[in-house]
Amino acid sequence: MFTLPEQFSNAAKANVEAQTAMLTALFGKAFDSVEKVVDLNLNVAKASVEDSAITMKQLLAAKDPQEFFSLSAAQAQPSAAKAIAYGRSLAGIASSAQAEWTRTAEEQFAETGRKLSALVDDVARNAPAGTENVIAMFRSAIGNANAGYEQFSKTGKQAAEVMEANMNTAVSQFSQTAEKAMKTARK
C-alpha cells in the first residue's frame, strides 16, 4: 500500500510523462504538416519554373502581336486551375493536420482522465474515514474538466468544419471568377 504523498507523486510524474508524450506527438504531427506544405511549395515552384520557360519560348516565337496576346490569354486558364489545385491541396493538408491534432489530443486527454480517475479511486479506497467530501470534490472536478474538454473539443471541430467550408467556398468563388475572366479574355 502506498502512502498518499507517494500516490500523488506518482500521479504527478505520470501526468508529466503523459504531457510530454502528447507534446511530442503534436509536434511530430506539426512537423509532418510543415513538411507536406514545403513539399507542395517546392513542387509548385518547380512546375512554375518549367511552365514559365515553356510559356516564354512560346511567347518569343509569336509572329505578331495578335498571336502574342492569344498565347498570353491562353495561359490564364491553366494558371487559374493550378492556383485552385494548390489551394485545395493546402486546405487538405490543413484539414488533415487539424484532424490529427484533435485525434492525438483526444487520445491523450482520455488516457490522462482514466489515470486520474484510477488515482482518485485508489485514494478513495485507502482514505481515512471522514474524507468522503474531499473525494467527492475531486470526482466532481474531474467530471467538470471532462465536460469542459468535451465542449472545447466540440467547438474546435465545429471551427475546423467552418474553416474548411470557407476554404472550399473561396476556392469555388475563385474558380468561377477565373472562368469568367477566361471567357472575357477569349472574346
N, C-alpha and C. Protein backbone atom coordinates (compact mmCIF):
# COMPACT_ATOMS: atom_id res chain seq x y z
N MET A 1 0.85 -1.18 0.00
CA MET A 1 0.00 0.00 0.00
C MET A 1 0.89 1.24 0.00
N PHE A 2 0.55 2.16 -0.90
CA PHE A 2 1.29 3.42 -0.99
C PHE A 2 0.71 4.45 -0.03
N THR A 3 1.54 5.37 0.37
CA THR A 3 1.03 6.48 1.17
C THR A 3 0.48 7.53 0.21
N LEU A 4 -0.33 8.41 0.75
CA LEU A 4 -0.97 9.43 -0.07
C LEU A 4 0.05 10.31 -0.80
N PRO A 5 1.10 10.80 -0.14
CA PRO A 5 2.09 11.60 -0.87
C PRO A 5 2.75 10.83 -2.02
N GLU A 6 3.02 9.54 -1.80
CA GLU A 6 3.63 8.74 -2.86
C GLU A 6 2.67 8.58 -4.04
N GLN A 7 1.40 8.41 -3.73
CA GLN A 7 0.41 8.27 -4.80
C GLN A 7 0.34 9.54 -5.64
N PHE A 8 0.31 10.68 -4.97
CA PHE A 8 0.25 11.95 -5.71
C PHE A 8 1.55 12.21 -6.47
N SER A 9 2.66 11.83 -5.89
CA SER A 9 3.95 11.99 -6.58
C SER A 9 3.99 11.13 -7.83
N ASN A 10 3.54 9.90 -7.71
CA ASN A 10 3.50 9.01 -8.88
C ASN A 10 2.52 9.54 -9.93
N ALA A 11 1.40 10.07 -9.46
CA ALA A 11 0.41 10.62 -10.39
C ALA A 11 0.98 11.85 -11.10
N ALA A 12 1.68 12.69 -10.37
CA ALA A 12 2.27 13.89 -10.98
C ALA A 12 3.32 13.49 -12.01
N LYS A 13 4.12 12.50 -11.68
CA LYS A 13 5.14 12.01 -12.61
C LYS A 13 4.48 11.44 -13.87
N ALA A 14 3.44 10.65 -13.68
CA ALA A 14 2.73 10.07 -14.83
C ALA A 14 2.10 11.16 -15.67
N ASN A 15 1.58 12.20 -15.02
CA ASN A 15 0.97 13.32 -15.74
C ASN A 15 2.01 14.05 -16.58
N VAL A 16 3.18 14.30 -16.01
CA VAL A 16 4.24 14.97 -16.76
C VAL A 16 4.67 14.12 -17.95
N GLU A 17 4.78 12.82 -17.74
CA GLU A 17 5.15 11.92 -18.83
C GLU A 17 4.08 11.92 -19.92
N ALA A 18 2.81 11.95 -19.52
CA ALA A 18 1.72 11.97 -20.50
C ALA A 18 1.73 13.28 -21.28
N GLN A 19 1.96 14.37 -20.58
CA GLN A 19 2.02 15.68 -21.25
C GLN A 19 3.19 15.73 -22.23
N THR A 20 4.32 15.17 -21.83
CA THR A 20 5.49 15.13 -22.71
C THR A 20 5.20 14.28 -23.94
N ALA A 21 4.55 13.15 -23.73
CA ALA A 21 4.20 12.29 -24.86
C ALA A 21 3.23 13.00 -25.80
N MET A 22 2.26 13.72 -25.23
CA MET A 22 1.30 14.44 -26.06
C MET A 22 1.99 15.54 -26.86
N LEU A 23 2.83 16.31 -26.21
CA LEU A 23 3.54 17.38 -26.91
C LEU A 23 4.44 16.82 -28.01
N THR A 24 5.11 15.72 -27.71
CA THR A 24 5.95 15.08 -28.72
C THR A 24 5.12 14.64 -29.92
N ALA A 25 3.99 14.04 -29.64
CA ALA A 25 3.10 13.60 -30.72
C ALA A 25 2.58 14.78 -31.51
N LEU A 26 2.15 15.84 -30.82
CA LEU A 26 1.62 17.02 -31.51
C LEU A 26 2.69 17.71 -32.34
N PHE A 27 3.89 17.86 -31.79
CA PHE A 27 4.97 18.48 -32.56
C PHE A 27 5.35 17.62 -33.76
N GLY A 28 5.32 16.30 -33.58
CA GLY A 28 5.58 15.40 -34.70
C GLY A 28 4.57 15.62 -35.82
N LYS A 29 3.29 15.73 -35.44
CA LYS A 29 2.23 15.98 -36.43
C LYS A 29 2.43 17.34 -37.09
N ALA A 30 2.82 18.33 -36.30
CA ALA A 30 3.05 19.67 -36.87
C ALA A 30 4.20 19.64 -37.87
N PHE A 31 5.28 18.96 -37.52
CA PHE A 31 6.41 18.88 -38.45
C PHE A 31 6.04 18.12 -39.71
N ASP A 32 5.22 17.07 -39.57
CA ASP A 32 4.75 16.34 -40.76
C ASP A 32 3.97 17.27 -41.67
N SER A 33 3.11 18.09 -41.09
CA SER A 33 2.30 19.02 -41.88
C SER A 33 3.18 20.08 -42.54
N VAL A 34 4.14 20.60 -41.81
CA VAL A 34 5.05 21.58 -42.39
C VAL A 34 5.83 20.96 -43.54
N GLU A 35 6.26 19.72 -43.36
CA GLU A 35 6.98 19.01 -44.41
C GLU A 35 6.11 18.87 -45.66
N LYS A 36 4.83 18.56 -45.47
CA LYS A 36 3.92 18.44 -46.61
C LYS A 36 3.75 19.78 -47.32
N VAL A 37 3.63 20.86 -46.56
CA VAL A 37 3.49 22.19 -47.16
C VAL A 37 4.76 22.56 -47.92
N VAL A 38 5.91 22.29 -47.34
CA VAL A 38 7.19 22.58 -48.02
C VAL A 38 7.29 21.77 -49.32
N ASP A 39 6.95 20.48 -49.25
CA ASP A 39 6.98 19.64 -50.46
C ASP A 39 6.03 20.19 -51.52
N LEU A 40 4.84 20.56 -51.09
CA LEU A 40 3.86 21.13 -52.02
C LEU A 40 4.42 22.40 -52.67
N ASN A 41 4.98 23.28 -51.86
CA ASN A 41 5.52 24.54 -52.38
C ASN A 41 6.70 24.29 -53.32
N LEU A 42 7.56 23.34 -52.98
CA LEU A 42 8.68 23.02 -53.87
C LEU A 42 8.19 22.47 -55.21
N ASN A 43 7.21 21.59 -55.15
CA ASN A 43 6.67 21.03 -56.39
C ASN A 43 5.99 22.10 -57.23
N VAL A 44 5.27 23.00 -56.59
CA VAL A 44 4.61 24.09 -57.31
C VAL A 44 5.66 25.02 -57.91
N ALA A 45 6.69 25.34 -57.14
CA ALA A 45 7.74 26.23 -57.65
C ALA A 45 8.45 25.59 -58.84
N LYS A 46 8.76 24.32 -58.75
CA LYS A 46 9.44 23.62 -59.84
C LYS A 46 8.56 23.61 -61.09
N ALA A 47 7.29 23.27 -60.92
CA ALA A 47 6.37 23.24 -62.05
C ALA A 47 6.19 24.64 -62.64
N SER A 48 6.17 25.64 -61.78
CA SER A 48 6.02 27.02 -62.23
C SER A 48 7.21 27.46 -63.08
N VAL A 49 8.40 27.12 -62.64
CA VAL A 49 9.60 27.47 -63.41
C VAL A 49 9.58 26.77 -64.77
N GLU A 50 9.22 25.50 -64.76
CA GLU A 50 9.15 24.76 -66.03
C GLU A 50 8.08 25.34 -66.95
N ASP A 51 6.91 25.64 -66.41
CA ASP A 51 5.83 26.23 -67.21
C ASP A 51 6.21 27.61 -67.73
N SER A 52 6.88 28.38 -66.90
CA SER A 52 7.31 29.71 -67.33
C SER A 52 8.29 29.63 -68.49
N ALA A 53 9.20 28.68 -68.42
CA ALA A 53 10.17 28.52 -69.52
C ALA A 53 9.46 28.15 -70.82
N ILE A 54 8.51 27.24 -70.74
CA ILE A 54 7.75 26.83 -71.92
C ILE A 54 6.95 28.02 -72.46
N THR A 55 6.30 28.73 -71.56
CA THR A 55 5.49 29.88 -71.97
C THR A 55 6.37 30.96 -72.62
N MET A 56 7.52 31.22 -72.04
CA MET A 56 8.42 32.23 -72.61
C MET A 56 8.85 31.83 -74.02
N LYS A 57 9.16 30.56 -74.22
CA LYS A 57 9.55 30.10 -75.56
C LYS A 57 8.40 30.32 -76.54
N GLN A 58 7.19 29.99 -76.11
CA GLN A 58 6.03 30.18 -76.99
C GLN A 58 5.80 31.65 -77.30
N LEU A 59 5.90 32.50 -76.28
CA LEU A 59 5.68 33.93 -76.48
C LEU A 59 6.75 34.55 -77.37
N LEU A 60 7.98 34.12 -77.17
CA LEU A 60 9.07 34.65 -78.01
C LEU A 60 8.96 34.16 -79.45
N ALA A 61 8.29 33.05 -79.67
CA ALA A 61 8.13 32.52 -81.02
C ALA A 61 6.92 33.13 -81.73
N ALA A 62 6.16 33.94 -81.04
CA ALA A 62 4.98 34.55 -81.65
C ALA A 62 5.40 35.41 -82.84
N LYS A 63 4.62 35.32 -83.90
CA LYS A 63 4.98 36.02 -85.14
C LYS A 63 4.42 37.43 -85.19
N ASP A 64 3.37 37.69 -84.44
CA ASP A 64 2.78 39.04 -84.45
C ASP A 64 2.14 39.32 -83.09
N PRO A 65 1.76 40.57 -82.82
CA PRO A 65 1.16 40.91 -81.52
C PRO A 65 -0.13 40.13 -81.23
N GLN A 66 -0.93 39.86 -82.26
CA GLN A 66 -2.18 39.12 -82.06
C GLN A 66 -1.89 37.73 -81.50
N GLU A 67 -0.93 37.04 -82.09
CA GLU A 67 -0.56 35.71 -81.62
C GLU A 67 0.02 35.77 -80.21
N PHE A 68 0.82 36.80 -79.94
CA PHE A 68 1.41 37.00 -78.62
C PHE A 68 0.32 37.12 -77.55
N PHE A 69 -0.70 37.98 -77.83
CA PHE A 69 -1.76 38.18 -76.85
C PHE A 69 -2.67 36.97 -76.74
N SER A 70 -2.86 36.23 -77.82
CA SER A 70 -3.64 34.99 -77.76
C SER A 70 -2.94 33.97 -76.88
N LEU A 71 -1.63 33.84 -77.06
CA LEU A 71 -0.87 32.91 -76.22
C LEU A 71 -0.90 33.33 -74.76
N SER A 72 -0.79 34.64 -74.53
CA SER A 72 -0.83 35.15 -73.15
C SER A 72 -2.16 34.84 -72.49
N ALA A 73 -3.25 35.08 -73.22
CA ALA A 73 -4.58 34.83 -72.67
C ALA A 73 -4.80 33.34 -72.43
N ALA A 74 -4.26 32.51 -73.30
CA ALA A 74 -4.43 31.07 -73.16
C ALA A 74 -3.75 30.53 -71.89
N GLN A 75 -2.78 31.24 -71.37
CA GLN A 75 -2.08 30.80 -70.17
C GLN A 75 -2.86 31.08 -68.89
N ALA A 76 -3.86 31.96 -68.97
CA ALA A 76 -4.61 32.32 -67.77
C ALA A 76 -5.39 31.14 -67.19
N GLN A 77 -6.03 30.35 -68.03
CA GLN A 77 -6.84 29.24 -67.53
C GLN A 77 -5.99 28.17 -66.84
N PRO A 78 -4.90 27.71 -67.46
CA PRO A 78 -4.08 26.72 -66.73
C PRO A 78 -3.51 27.29 -65.42
N SER A 79 -3.16 28.56 -65.42
CA SER A 79 -2.63 29.17 -64.20
C SER A 79 -3.69 29.21 -63.12
N ALA A 80 -4.92 29.57 -63.49
CA ALA A 80 -6.01 29.61 -62.52
C ALA A 80 -6.30 28.21 -61.99
N ALA A 81 -6.30 27.23 -62.88
CA ALA A 81 -6.55 25.85 -62.45
C ALA A 81 -5.46 25.38 -61.49
N LYS A 82 -4.23 25.75 -61.76
CA LYS A 82 -3.12 25.36 -60.87
C LYS A 82 -3.25 26.05 -59.52
N ALA A 83 -3.67 27.31 -59.53
CA ALA A 83 -3.86 28.03 -58.27
C ALA A 83 -4.97 27.39 -57.45
N ILE A 84 -6.04 26.98 -58.12
CA ILE A 84 -7.14 26.32 -57.43
C ILE A 84 -6.67 24.98 -56.86
N ALA A 85 -5.93 24.22 -57.64
CA ALA A 85 -5.42 22.93 -57.17
C ALA A 85 -4.48 23.13 -55.97
N TYR A 86 -3.67 24.16 -56.01
CA TYR A 86 -2.77 24.48 -54.90
C TYR A 86 -3.58 24.79 -53.65
N GLY A 87 -4.61 25.63 -53.80
CA GLY A 87 -5.46 25.98 -52.66
C GLY A 87 -6.13 24.76 -52.06
N ARG A 88 -6.60 23.88 -52.92
CA ARG A 88 -7.24 22.66 -52.42
C ARG A 88 -6.23 21.77 -51.71
N SER A 89 -5.05 21.65 -52.26
CA SER A 89 -4.01 20.83 -51.61
C SER A 89 -3.64 21.40 -50.25
N LEU A 90 -3.49 22.71 -50.20
CA LEU A 90 -3.15 23.37 -48.94
C LEU A 90 -4.27 23.19 -47.92
N ALA A 91 -5.52 23.33 -48.37
CA ALA A 91 -6.65 23.13 -47.48
C ALA A 91 -6.70 21.69 -46.99
N GLY A 92 -6.38 20.74 -47.86
CA GLY A 92 -6.36 19.34 -47.47
C GLY A 92 -5.32 19.06 -46.41
N ILE A 93 -4.14 19.66 -46.58
CA ILE A 93 -3.08 19.48 -45.59
C ILE A 93 -3.51 20.07 -44.25
N ALA A 94 -4.10 21.27 -44.28
CA ALA A 94 -4.53 21.92 -43.04
C ALA A 94 -5.64 21.11 -42.36
N SER A 95 -6.58 20.62 -43.14
CA SER A 95 -7.68 19.84 -42.58
C SER A 95 -7.16 18.53 -41.97
N SER A 96 -6.26 17.88 -42.68
CA SER A 96 -5.67 16.63 -42.18
C SER A 96 -4.89 16.88 -40.90
N ALA A 97 -4.12 17.96 -40.88
CA ALA A 97 -3.33 18.29 -39.68
C ALA A 97 -4.24 18.55 -38.49
N GLN A 98 -5.30 19.30 -38.72
CA GLN A 98 -6.24 19.60 -37.63
C GLN A 98 -6.87 18.32 -37.11
N ALA A 99 -7.25 17.42 -38.01
CA ALA A 99 -7.86 16.16 -37.59
C ALA A 99 -6.87 15.32 -36.78
N GLU A 100 -5.62 15.28 -37.21
CA GLU A 100 -4.60 14.52 -36.48
C GLU A 100 -4.35 15.12 -35.10
N TRP A 101 -4.28 16.45 -35.04
CA TRP A 101 -4.06 17.11 -33.75
C TRP A 101 -5.22 16.80 -32.81
N THR A 102 -6.42 16.91 -33.33
CA THR A 102 -7.60 16.65 -32.49
C THR A 102 -7.60 15.21 -32.00
N ARG A 103 -7.34 14.26 -32.90
CA ARG A 103 -7.33 12.85 -32.53
C ARG A 103 -6.28 12.59 -31.46
N THR A 104 -5.07 13.12 -31.67
CA THR A 104 -3.98 12.91 -30.71
C THR A 104 -4.31 13.51 -29.36
N ALA A 105 -4.83 14.73 -29.37
CA ALA A 105 -5.18 15.39 -28.11
C ALA A 105 -6.30 14.63 -27.39
N GLU A 106 -7.30 14.16 -28.14
CA GLU A 106 -8.39 13.41 -27.53
C GLU A 106 -7.88 12.12 -26.88
N GLU A 107 -7.00 11.42 -27.60
CA GLU A 107 -6.45 10.17 -27.05
C GLU A 107 -5.68 10.45 -25.77
N GLN A 108 -4.84 11.47 -25.79
CA GLN A 108 -4.03 11.78 -24.61
C GLN A 108 -4.90 12.25 -23.45
N PHE A 109 -5.90 13.07 -23.76
CA PHE A 109 -6.77 13.56 -22.69
C PHE A 109 -7.55 12.41 -22.08
N ALA A 110 -8.05 11.50 -22.92
CA ALA A 110 -8.80 10.35 -22.40
C ALA A 110 -7.91 9.49 -21.51
N GLU A 111 -6.67 9.26 -21.93
CA GLU A 111 -5.74 8.46 -21.14
C GLU A 111 -5.43 9.13 -19.81
N THR A 112 -5.20 10.43 -19.84
CA THR A 112 -4.92 11.17 -18.60
C THR A 112 -6.14 11.12 -17.68
N GLY A 113 -7.33 11.24 -18.27
CA GLY A 113 -8.55 11.17 -17.46
C GLY A 113 -8.71 9.81 -16.80
N ARG A 114 -8.41 8.75 -17.55
CA ARG A 114 -8.50 7.40 -16.98
C ARG A 114 -7.52 7.24 -15.82
N LYS A 115 -6.30 7.71 -16.01
CA LYS A 115 -5.28 7.58 -14.95
C LYS A 115 -5.68 8.40 -13.72
N LEU A 116 -6.21 9.58 -13.95
CA LEU A 116 -6.60 10.43 -12.83
C LEU A 116 -7.78 9.81 -12.07
N SER A 117 -8.74 9.27 -12.81
CA SER A 117 -9.87 8.60 -12.16
C SER A 117 -9.40 7.39 -11.36
N ALA A 118 -8.46 6.64 -11.92
CA ALA A 118 -7.92 5.48 -11.21
C ALA A 118 -7.21 5.92 -9.93
N LEU A 119 -6.49 7.03 -10.00
CA LEU A 119 -5.81 7.55 -8.82
C LEU A 119 -6.82 7.94 -7.74
N VAL A 120 -7.85 8.66 -8.14
CA VAL A 120 -8.86 9.08 -7.16
C VAL A 120 -9.54 7.85 -6.55
N ASP A 121 -9.83 6.85 -7.39
CA ASP A 121 -10.44 5.61 -6.86
C ASP A 121 -9.50 4.93 -5.87
N ASP A 122 -8.21 4.89 -6.20
CA ASP A 122 -7.23 4.26 -5.31
C ASP A 122 -7.12 5.03 -4.00
N VAL A 123 -7.09 6.37 -4.12
CA VAL A 123 -7.01 7.20 -2.91
C VAL A 123 -8.27 7.00 -2.08
N ALA A 124 -9.43 6.90 -2.74
CA ALA A 124 -10.69 6.73 -2.01
C ALA A 124 -10.71 5.41 -1.23
N ARG A 125 -10.15 4.37 -1.82
CA ARG A 125 -10.11 3.07 -1.13
C ARG A 125 -9.21 3.13 0.12
N ASN A 126 -8.16 3.93 0.04
CA ASN A 126 -7.19 3.97 1.13
C ASN A 126 -7.35 5.20 2.03
N ALA A 127 -8.35 6.01 1.76
CA ALA A 127 -8.51 7.26 2.52
C ALA A 127 -9.11 6.98 3.89
N PRO A 128 -8.71 7.79 4.84
CA PRO A 128 -9.28 7.64 6.19
C PRO A 128 -10.76 8.08 6.20
N ALA A 129 -11.45 7.62 7.19
CA ALA A 129 -12.87 7.98 7.34
C ALA A 129 -12.99 9.49 7.47
N GLY A 130 -14.07 10.04 6.90
CA GLY A 130 -14.32 11.47 7.00
C GLY A 130 -13.81 12.27 5.81
N THR A 131 -13.17 11.61 4.86
CA THR A 131 -12.64 12.33 3.70
C THR A 131 -13.52 12.15 2.45
N GLU A 132 -14.72 11.63 2.66
CA GLU A 132 -15.60 11.37 1.54
C GLU A 132 -15.93 12.64 0.75
N ASN A 133 -16.09 13.76 1.49
CA ASN A 133 -16.41 15.04 0.82
C ASN A 133 -15.27 15.50 -0.08
N VAL A 134 -14.05 15.32 0.38
CA VAL A 134 -12.88 15.71 -0.42
C VAL A 134 -12.81 14.84 -1.67
N ILE A 135 -13.03 13.57 -1.52
CA ILE A 135 -13.00 12.64 -2.66
C ILE A 135 -14.12 13.01 -3.64
N ALA A 136 -15.30 13.31 -3.13
CA ALA A 136 -16.42 13.70 -3.99
C ALA A 136 -16.08 14.98 -4.74
N MET A 137 -15.38 15.90 -4.06
CA MET A 137 -14.98 17.15 -4.71
C MET A 137 -14.01 16.86 -5.86
N PHE A 138 -13.05 15.98 -5.65
CA PHE A 138 -12.11 15.60 -6.72
C PHE A 138 -12.85 14.97 -7.89
N ARG A 139 -13.77 14.08 -7.58
CA ARG A 139 -14.53 13.42 -8.66
C ARG A 139 -15.36 14.44 -9.44
N SER A 140 -15.94 15.38 -8.73
CA SER A 140 -16.73 16.43 -9.37
C SER A 140 -15.82 17.30 -10.26
N ALA A 141 -14.64 17.62 -9.75
CA ALA A 141 -13.70 18.43 -10.53
C ALA A 141 -13.27 17.69 -11.80
N ILE A 142 -13.03 16.40 -11.68
CA ILE A 142 -12.65 15.59 -12.85
C ILE A 142 -13.80 15.56 -13.86
N GLY A 143 -15.01 15.38 -13.36
CA GLY A 143 -16.18 15.38 -14.23
C GLY A 143 -16.36 16.71 -14.94
N ASN A 144 -16.17 17.79 -14.21
CA ASN A 144 -16.29 19.12 -14.80
C ASN A 144 -15.19 19.37 -15.84
N ALA A 145 -13.98 18.91 -15.54
CA ALA A 145 -12.88 19.07 -16.50
C ALA A 145 -13.16 18.28 -17.77
N ASN A 146 -13.67 17.05 -17.62
CA ASN A 146 -14.02 16.24 -18.79
C ASN A 146 -15.11 16.91 -19.62
N ALA A 147 -16.13 17.44 -18.95
CA ALA A 147 -17.21 18.12 -19.66
C ALA A 147 -16.68 19.36 -20.38
N GLY A 148 -15.82 20.11 -19.72
CA GLY A 148 -15.22 21.29 -20.34
C GLY A 148 -14.38 20.93 -21.55
N TYR A 149 -13.60 19.87 -21.42
CA TYR A 149 -12.78 19.45 -22.55
C TYR A 149 -13.65 19.00 -23.72
N GLU A 150 -14.71 18.24 -23.42
CA GLU A 150 -15.59 17.78 -24.49
C GLU A 150 -16.22 18.95 -25.22
N GLN A 151 -16.62 19.99 -24.47
CA GLN A 151 -17.20 21.18 -25.11
C GLN A 151 -16.14 21.90 -25.94
N PHE A 152 -14.93 22.01 -25.41
CA PHE A 152 -13.83 22.63 -26.14
C PHE A 152 -13.53 21.86 -27.43
N SER A 153 -13.51 20.55 -27.32
CA SER A 153 -13.25 19.69 -28.48
C SER A 153 -14.34 19.85 -29.52
N LYS A 154 -15.58 19.86 -29.07
CA LYS A 154 -16.72 20.02 -29.98
C LYS A 154 -16.65 21.37 -30.69
N THR A 155 -16.33 22.41 -29.96
CA THR A 155 -16.21 23.75 -30.54
C THR A 155 -15.05 23.80 -31.53
N GLY A 156 -13.95 23.15 -31.20
CA GLY A 156 -12.79 23.10 -32.11
C GLY A 156 -13.13 22.40 -33.40
N LYS A 157 -13.87 21.30 -33.30
CA LYS A 157 -14.28 20.57 -34.51
C LYS A 157 -15.20 21.42 -35.36
N GLN A 158 -16.13 22.13 -34.72
CA GLN A 158 -17.04 22.99 -35.46
C GLN A 158 -16.26 24.11 -36.16
N ALA A 159 -15.28 24.68 -35.47
CA ALA A 159 -14.47 25.74 -36.07
C ALA A 159 -13.69 25.21 -37.26
N ALA A 160 -13.17 24.00 -37.15
CA ALA A 160 -12.43 23.40 -38.26
C ALA A 160 -13.35 23.15 -39.45
N GLU A 161 -14.57 22.70 -39.17
CA GLU A 161 -15.53 22.48 -40.25
C GLU A 161 -15.88 23.78 -40.94
N VAL A 162 -16.07 24.85 -40.17
CA VAL A 162 -16.37 26.16 -40.75
C VAL A 162 -15.19 26.65 -41.58
N MET A 163 -13.97 26.47 -41.07
CA MET A 163 -12.78 26.89 -41.82
C MET A 163 -12.68 26.13 -43.14
N GLU A 164 -12.94 24.82 -43.09
CA GLU A 164 -12.86 24.01 -44.31
C GLU A 164 -13.95 24.44 -45.30
N ALA A 165 -15.15 24.70 -44.80
CA ALA A 165 -16.24 25.15 -45.67
C ALA A 165 -15.90 26.49 -46.29
N ASN A 166 -15.33 27.41 -45.49
CA ASN A 166 -14.94 28.72 -46.01
C ASN A 166 -13.85 28.59 -47.07
N MET A 167 -12.91 27.70 -46.84
CA MET A 167 -11.84 27.48 -47.82
C MET A 167 -12.43 26.94 -49.12
N ASN A 168 -13.33 25.98 -49.01
CA ASN A 168 -13.97 25.42 -50.20
C ASN A 168 -14.78 26.48 -50.94
N THR A 169 -15.47 27.34 -50.20
CA THR A 169 -16.23 28.43 -50.82
C THR A 169 -15.30 29.40 -51.54
N ALA A 170 -14.19 29.75 -50.89
CA ALA A 170 -13.23 30.67 -51.51
C ALA A 170 -12.65 30.08 -52.78
N VAL A 171 -12.30 28.81 -52.75
CA VAL A 171 -11.74 28.15 -53.93
C VAL A 171 -12.79 28.10 -55.04
N SER A 172 -14.03 27.82 -54.68
CA SER A 172 -15.11 27.77 -55.66
C SER A 172 -15.34 29.15 -56.28
N GLN A 173 -15.36 30.19 -55.46
CA GLN A 173 -15.55 31.55 -55.97
C GLN A 173 -14.38 31.96 -56.86
N PHE A 174 -13.18 31.61 -56.46
CA PHE A 174 -12.01 31.93 -57.27
C PHE A 174 -12.10 31.22 -58.61
N SER A 175 -12.54 29.97 -58.58
CA SER A 175 -12.68 29.18 -59.80
C SER A 175 -13.69 29.82 -60.73
N GLN A 176 -14.83 30.23 -60.19
CA GLN A 176 -15.86 30.87 -61.01
C GLN A 176 -15.37 32.19 -61.60
N THR A 177 -14.66 32.96 -60.80
CA THR A 177 -14.11 34.23 -61.27
C THR A 177 -13.08 34.00 -62.37
N ALA A 178 -12.25 32.99 -62.19
CA ALA A 178 -11.24 32.67 -63.21
C ALA A 178 -11.90 32.24 -64.51
N GLU A 179 -12.96 31.44 -64.40
CA GLU A 179 -13.67 31.00 -65.61
C GLU A 179 -14.28 32.20 -66.33
N LYS A 180 -14.90 33.12 -65.59
CA LYS A 180 -15.49 34.32 -66.19
C LYS A 180 -14.42 35.16 -66.87
N ALA A 181 -13.27 35.28 -66.21
CA ALA A 181 -12.18 36.06 -66.78
C ALA A 181 -11.68 35.42 -68.07
N MET A 182 -11.63 34.11 -68.10
CA MET A 182 -11.19 33.40 -69.31
C MET A 182 -12.17 33.61 -70.45
N LYS A 183 -13.46 33.55 -70.14
CA LYS A 183 -14.46 33.77 -71.18
C LYS A 183 -14.36 35.19 -71.74
N THR A 184 -14.12 36.13 -70.85
CA THR A 184 -13.96 37.53 -71.27
C THR A 184 -12.70 37.69 -72.11
N ALA A 185 -11.62 37.04 -71.73
CA ALA A 185 -10.36 37.15 -72.46
C ALA A 185 -10.45 36.53 -73.84
N ARG A 186 -11.28 35.50 -73.98
CA ARG A 186 -11.42 34.84 -75.28
C ARG A 186 -12.20 35.68 -76.29
N LYS A 187 -13.05 36.57 -75.79
CA LYS A 187 -13.88 37.37 -76.68
C LYS A 187 -13.11 38.44 -77.37
